[in-house]
Structures are given as C-alpha cells and as structure tokens.
Amino acid sequence: MKIMQIVGYKNSGKTTLINELIKICQEYQLSVSTIKHHGHGTQDISLNHKEVDSLSFINNGAEESIVLGHELIERVTKVHRSLTEIINKDLSIQPDILLIEGFKSEDYPKVVLGENTDNLNDKLSNVVYNFNAYNQDERKLFLDWFKKWLFQKE
C-alpha cells in the first residue's frame, strides 16, 4: 500500500484534489481508501443526517455503531487512536493507495497545497511536492508527477 498525505491550510483545495486523485487511481484500476482529519479544534465530527438511528446509539452510550446498506457500510466508533493505529487497525480493505487529508504532524509522504506555504513547510516532515492547487499549470505538472508516483517502487 502506497500512502500519500495531502496537507495545506483551509480552502487550499485538499478535498477537491483528493477527489481528482481518486479518479486517476480508478483509471489505473487501483483501489483507494481515504482518511480525513477533522481539524476543527475540539469539535467532534457530525453526521449530516436529521434522523440517524446509528448516531442516536452513539449519543446514548454505544461505543460503535455500524449501518449496512446494499453496498455501503457506515461506521461510527467512539475511540481515540493515532493515524498509524487507524491505518493498522481500522482499514477494512487493503487498498493499493491510501490518501490522507490533513494530519500535518505525521511523517508520511506529503503534498503541500497553497501559495505561501514556506512557514508551513518549515514545520512539516517528508514533503515530496508543493504546489498551488488553483494554478492550472502547477496542477497539471503535479498530476503528471502523481501518475508516475503511483508506479514508483518505494
């Protein structure tokens, strides 16, 4: 499994880029999993459903709630884990590619998005690429690099 983090300040294009990278991986018939850090301070995640039985189970004390649909499984677990623990214990498939949004302090290969990221780059480890996701020329160069990265031996 190859792992890449996409990091940057808020509204730097991280989610949009990850969706584009997922499509590229699909073109090459590579399986993809994603992990996103909810980086909003001490606020917890919220599911955007008005009436979600599974969330009511969590709110009433369940440690985990799993909902099975036709093809989708939704899981909410009340637990504190590091990113590495999540990768090792919580992925239910072994993907070819794992794309991680956020988790700036982790040490996986990082792509940094933004215009003025020198201050951010000084605080990060393992930066492999840096570009402005809103600059179409820089974006095209990165996507070409990413396609090569997919098949590079580690």
C-alpha atoms as a PDB file:
ATOM      1  CA  MET A   1       0.000   0.000   0.000  1.00  0.00           C
ATOM      2  CA  LYS A   2       1.336   3.402  -1.007  1.00  0.00           C
ATOM      3  CA  ILE A   3       0.446   6.293   1.284  1.00  0.00           C
ATOM      4  CA  MET A   4       0.291   9.999   0.500  1.00  0.00           C
ATOM      5  CA  GLN A   5      -0.830  12.876   2.699  1.00  0.00           C
ATOM      6  CA  ILE A   6      -2.399  15.995   1.219  1.00  0.00           C
ATOM      7  CA  VAL A   7      -1.955  18.936   3.586  1.00  0.00           C
ATOM      8  CA  GLY A   8      -2.460  22.681   3.496  1.00  0.00           C
ATOM      9  CA  TYR A   9      -4.354  25.486   5.091  1.00  0.00           C
ATOM     10  CA  LYS A  10      -8.161  25.664   4.994  1.00  0.00           C
ATOM     11  CA  ASN A  11      -9.595  26.154   1.479  1.00  0.00           C
ATOM     12  CA  SER A  12      -6.307  25.263  -0.215  1.00  0.00           C
ATOM     13  CA  GLY A  13      -8.024  22.660  -2.421  1.00  0.00           C
ATOM     14  CA  LYS A  14      -7.220  19.460  -0.492  1.00  0.00           C
ATOM     15  CA  THR A  15     -10.588  17.721  -0.815  1.00  0.00           C
ATOM     16  CA  THR A  16     -11.023  18.679  -4.475  1.00  0.00           C
ATOM     17  CA  LEU A  17      -7.548  17.380  -5.272  1.00  0.00           C
ATOM     18  CA  ILE A  18      -8.104  14.094  -3.432  1.00  0.00           C
ATOM     19  CA  ASN A  19     -11.300  13.515  -5.416  1.00  0.00           C
ATOM     20  CA  GLU A  20      -9.328  14.073  -8.610  1.00  0.00           C
ATOM     21  CA  LEU A  21      -6.584  11.685  -7.461  1.00  0.00           C
ATOM     22  CA  ILE A  22      -9.185   9.013  -6.690  1.00  0.00           C
ATOM     23  CA  LYS A  23     -10.448   9.259 -10.290  1.00  0.00           C
ATOM     24  CA  ILE A  24      -6.902   8.904 -11.623  1.00  0.00           C
ATOM     25  CA  CYS A  25      -6.359   5.812  -9.480  1.00  0.00           C
ATOM     26  CA  GLN A  26      -9.600   4.338 -10.807  1.00  0.00           C
ATOM     27  CA  GLU A  27      -8.374   4.891 -14.375  1.00  0.00           C
ATOM     28  CA  TYR A  28      -5.412   2.651 -13.500  1.00  0.00           C
ATOM     29  CA  GLN A  29      -7.695   0.172 -11.696  1.00  0.00           C
ATOM     30  CA  LEU A  30      -6.061   0.890  -8.324  1.00  0.00           C
ATOM     31  CA  SER A  31      -8.122   0.622  -5.164  1.00  0.00           C
ATOM     32  CA  VAL A  32      -8.166   3.693  -2.918  1.00  0.00           C
ATOM     33  CA  SER A  33      -9.015   4.376   0.702  1.00  0.00           C
ATOM     34  CA  THR A  34      -9.087   7.821   2.273  1.00  0.00           C
ATOM     35  CA  ILE A  35      -8.689   9.137   5.789  1.00  0.00           C
ATOM     36  CA  LYS A  36      -9.597  12.732   6.601  1.00  0.00           C
ATOM     37  CA  HIS A  37      -8.587  14.626   9.706  1.00  0.00           C
ATOM     38  CA  HIS A  38     -11.368  16.749  11.142  1.00  0.00           C
ATOM     39  CA  GLY A  39      -9.106  19.634  12.057  1.00  0.00           C
ATOM     40  CA  HIS A  40     -11.598  21.901  13.753  1.00  0.00           C
ATOM     41  CA  GLY A  41     -10.155  22.131  17.241  1.00  0.00           C
ATOM     42  CA  THR A  42     -12.023  20.147  19.859  1.00  0.00           C
ATOM     43  CA  GLN A  43     -15.242  19.855  17.836  1.00  0.00           C
ATOM     44  CA  ASP A  44     -16.189  16.302  17.021  1.00  0.00           C
ATOM     45  CA  ILE A  45     -17.461  15.115  13.664  1.00  0.00           C
ATOM     46  CA  SER A  46     -21.162  15.303  12.963  1.00  0.00           C
ATOM     47  CA  LEU A  47     -23.152  13.280  10.505  1.00  0.00           C
ATOM     48  CA  ASN A  48     -25.311  15.482   8.324  1.00  0.00           C
ATOM     49  CA  HIS A  49     -28.494  13.483   8.756  1.00  0.00           C
ATOM     50  CA  LYS A  50     -31.511  14.744  10.666  1.00  0.00           C
ATOM     51  CA  GLU A  51     -32.672  11.362  11.849  1.00  0.00           C
ATOM     52  CA  VAL A  52     -29.842   8.877  12.091  1.00  0.00           C
ATOM     53  CA  ASP A  53     -30.597   5.917  14.319  1.00  0.00           C
ATOM     54  CA  SER A  54     -26.962   4.844  14.374  1.00  0.00           C
ATOM     55  CA  LEU A  55     -25.823   8.256  15.659  1.00  0.00           C
ATOM     56  CA  SER A  56     -28.509   8.149  18.358  1.00  0.00           C
ATOM     57  CA  PHE A  57     -26.970   4.856  19.506  1.00  0.00           C
ATOM     58  CA  ILE A  58     -23.574   6.593  19.919  1.00  0.00           C
ATOM     59  CA  ASN A  59     -25.202   9.554  21.668  1.00  0.00           C
ATOM     60  CA  ASN A  60     -26.823   7.149  24.117  1.00  0.00           C
ATOM     61  CA  GLY A  61     -23.603   5.369  25.027  1.00  0.00           C
ATOM     62  CA  ALA A  62     -22.754   2.805  22.342  1.00  0.00           C
ATOM     63  CA  GLU A  63     -19.025   2.636  21.618  1.00  0.00           C
ATOM     64  CA  GLU A  64     -19.580   1.702  17.981  1.00  0.00           C
ATOM     65  CA  SER A  65     -22.485   1.723  15.548  1.00  0.00           C
ATOM     66  CA  ILE A  66     -22.432   0.113  12.107  1.00  0.00           C
ATOM     67  CA  VAL A  67     -25.072   0.545   9.425  1.00  0.00           C
ATOM     68  CA  LEU A  68     -25.204  -1.845   6.469  1.00  0.00           C
ATOM     69  CA  GLY A  69     -26.714  -0.747   3.191  1.00  0.00           C
ATOM     70  CA  HIS A  70     -26.808  -2.513  -0.160  1.00  0.00           C
ATOM     71  CA  GLU A  71     -23.158  -1.718  -0.999  1.00  0.00           C
ATOM     72  CA  LEU A  72     -22.115   0.765   1.682  1.00  0.00           C
ATOM     73  CA  ILE A  73     -21.187   0.311   5.316  1.00  0.00           C
ATOM     74  CA  GLU A  74     -21.236   3.323   7.619  1.00  0.00           C
ATOM     75  CA  ARG A  75     -19.315   3.007  10.841  1.00  0.00           C
ATOM     76  CA  VAL A  76     -19.064   5.394  13.767  1.00  0.00           C
ATOM     77  CA  THR A  77     -16.676   4.402  16.537  1.00  0.00           C
ATOM     78  CA  LYS A  78     -16.023   6.295  19.755  1.00  0.00           C
ATOM     79  CA  VAL A  79     -12.269   5.840  20.276  1.00  0.00           C
ATOM     80  CA  HIS A  80      -9.010   7.819  20.434  1.00  0.00           C
ATOM     81  CA  ARG A  81      -6.384   6.498  18.009  1.00  0.00           C
ATOM     82  CA  SER A  82      -3.326   7.806  16.228  1.00  0.00           C
ATOM     83  CA  LEU A  83      -3.237   7.876  12.441  1.00  0.00           C
ATOM     84  CA  THR A  84      -0.873   4.901  12.403  1.00  0.00           C
ATOM     85  CA  GLU A  85      -3.245   2.912  14.621  1.00  0.00           C
ATOM     86  CA  ILE A  86      -6.143   3.780  12.331  1.00  0.00           C
ATOM     87  CA  ILE A  87      -4.144   2.616   9.306  1.00  0.00           C
ATOM     88  CA  ASN A  88      -3.119  -0.616  11.028  1.00  0.00           C
ATOM     89  CA  LYS A  89      -6.413  -1.471  12.779  1.00  0.00           C
ATOM     90  CA  ASP A  90      -9.333   0.274  11.113  1.00  0.00           C
ATOM     91  CA  LEU A  91      -8.993  -0.087   7.361  1.00  0.00           C
ATOM     92  CA  SER A  92     -11.388  -2.837   6.342  1.00  0.00           C
ATOM     93  CA  ILE A  93      -9.750  -3.316   2.953  1.00  0.00           C
ATOM     94  CA  GLN A  94      -6.093  -3.307   1.924  1.00  0.00           C
ATOM     95  CA  PRO A  95      -6.073  -0.598  -0.766  1.00  0.00           C
ATOM     96  CA  ASP A  96      -3.378  -0.041  -3.348  1.00  0.00           C
ATOM     97  CA  ILE A  97      -3.356   3.668  -2.455  1.00  0.00           C
ATOM     98  CA  LEU A  98      -4.197   5.415   0.817  1.00  0.00           C
ATOM     99  CA  LEU A  99      -4.823   9.160   0.506  1.00  0.00           C
ATOM    100  CA  ILE A 100      -4.823  11.093   3.762  1.00  0.00           C
ATOM    101  CA  GLU A 101      -6.185  14.598   4.118  1.00  0.00           C
ATOM    102  CA  GLY A 102      -4.516  16.537   6.890  1.00  0.00           C
ATOM    103  CA  PHE A 103      -2.608  15.137   9.886  1.00  0.00           C
ATOM    104  CA  LYS A 104       0.214  17.637   9.283  1.00  0.00           C
ATOM    105  CA  SER A 105       2.356  16.324  12.160  1.00  0.00           C
ATOM    106  CA  GLU A 106       2.510  12.752  10.811  1.00  0.00           C
ATOM    107  CA  ASP A 107       5.530  11.537   8.851  1.00  0.00           C
ATOM    108  CA  TYR A 108       4.047  10.006   5.693  1.00  0.00           C
ATOM    109  CA  PRO A 109       4.983  11.477   2.281  1.00  0.00           C
ATOM    110  CA  LYS A 110       3.253  14.845   1.986  1.00  0.00           C
ATOM    111  CA  VAL A 111       1.982  17.054  -0.783  1.00  0.00           C
ATOM    112  CA  VAL A 112       1.587  20.624   0.481  1.00  0.00           C
ATOM    113  CA  LEU A 113      -1.018  22.855  -1.141  1.00  0.00           C
ATOM    114  CA  GLY A 114      -1.075  26.622  -1.126  1.00  0.00           C
ATOM    115  CA  GLU A 115       0.575  29.773  -2.402  1.00  0.00           C
ATOM    116  CA  ASN A 116       2.619  30.937   0.582  1.00  0.00           C
ATOM    117  CA  THR A 117       3.495  27.743   2.420  1.00  0.00           C
ATOM    118  CA  ASP A 118       7.110  28.448   3.447  1.00  0.00           C
ATOM    119  CA  ASN A 119       6.036  28.888   7.080  1.00  0.00           C
ATOM    120  CA  LEU A 120       4.080  25.626   6.910  1.00  0.00           C
ATOM    121  CA  ASN A 121       6.874  23.733   5.129  1.00  0.00           C
ATOM    122  CA  ASP A 122       9.282  24.578   7.955  1.00  0.00           C
ATOM    123  CA  LYS A 123       7.023  22.692  10.389  1.00  0.00           C
ATOM    124  CA  LEU A 124       6.467  19.587   8.232  1.00  0.00           C
ATOM    125  CA  SER A 125       8.436  16.434   7.579  1.00  0.00           C
ATOM    126  CA  ASN A 126       8.625  14.286   4.462  1.00  0.00           C
ATOM    127  CA  VAL A 127       7.360  16.879   1.949  1.00  0.00           C
ATOM    128  CA  VAL A 128       7.599  15.356  -1.522  1.00  0.00           C
ATOM    129  CA  TYR A 129       5.724  18.001  -3.537  1.00  0.00           C
ATOM    130  CA  ASN A 130       4.482  21.547  -3.038  1.00  0.00           C
ATOM    131  CA  PHE A 131       2.156  23.498  -5.332  1.00  0.00           C
ATOM    132  CA  ASN A 132      -0.783  25.878  -5.618  1.00  0.00           C
ATOM    133  CA  ALA A 133      -3.827  23.726  -6.459  1.00  0.00           C
ATOM    134  CA  TYR A 134      -5.595  26.738  -8.006  1.00  0.00           C
ATOM    135  CA  ASN A 135      -2.809  27.329 -10.551  1.00  0.00           C
ATOM    136  CA  GLN A 136      -3.773  25.147 -13.519  1.00  0.00           C
ATOM    137  CA  ASP A 137      -0.208  24.855 -14.871  1.00  0.00           C
ATOM    138  CA  GLU A 138       1.131  23.760 -11.469  1.00  0.00           C
ATOM    139  CA  ARG A 139      -1.823  21.393 -11.074  1.00  0.00           C
ATOM    140  CA  LYS A 140      -1.143  19.713 -14.430  1.00  0.00           C
ATOM    141  CA  LEU A 141       2.534  19.243 -13.532  1.00  0.00           C
ATOM    142  CA  PHE A 142       1.548  17.700 -10.207  1.00  0.00           C
ATOM    143  CA  LEU A 143      -0.984  15.318 -11.779  1.00  0.00           C
ATOM    144  CA  ASP A 144       1.688  14.118 -14.223  1.00  0.00           C
ATOM    145  CA  TRP A 145       4.063  13.610 -11.260  1.00  0.00           C
ATOM    146  CA  PHE A 146       1.348  11.745  -9.319  1.00  0.00           C
ATOM    147  CA  LYS A 147       0.733   9.321 -12.197  1.00  0.00           C
ATOM    148  CA  LYS A 148       4.440   8.445 -12.180  1.00  0.00           C
ATOM    149  CA  TRP A 149       4.493   8.215  -8.364  1.00  0.00           C
ATOM    150  CA  LEU A 150       1.708   5.617  -8.453  1.00  0.00           C
ATOM    151  CA  PHE A 151       4.053   3.070 -10.029  1.00  0.00           C
ATOM    152  CA  GLN A 152       7.384   4.022  -8.469  1.00  0.00           C
ATOM    153  CA  LYS A 153       8.942   1.385  -6.251  1.00  0.00           C
ATOM    154  CA  GLU A 154       9.389   2.543  -2.675  1.00  0.00           C
END
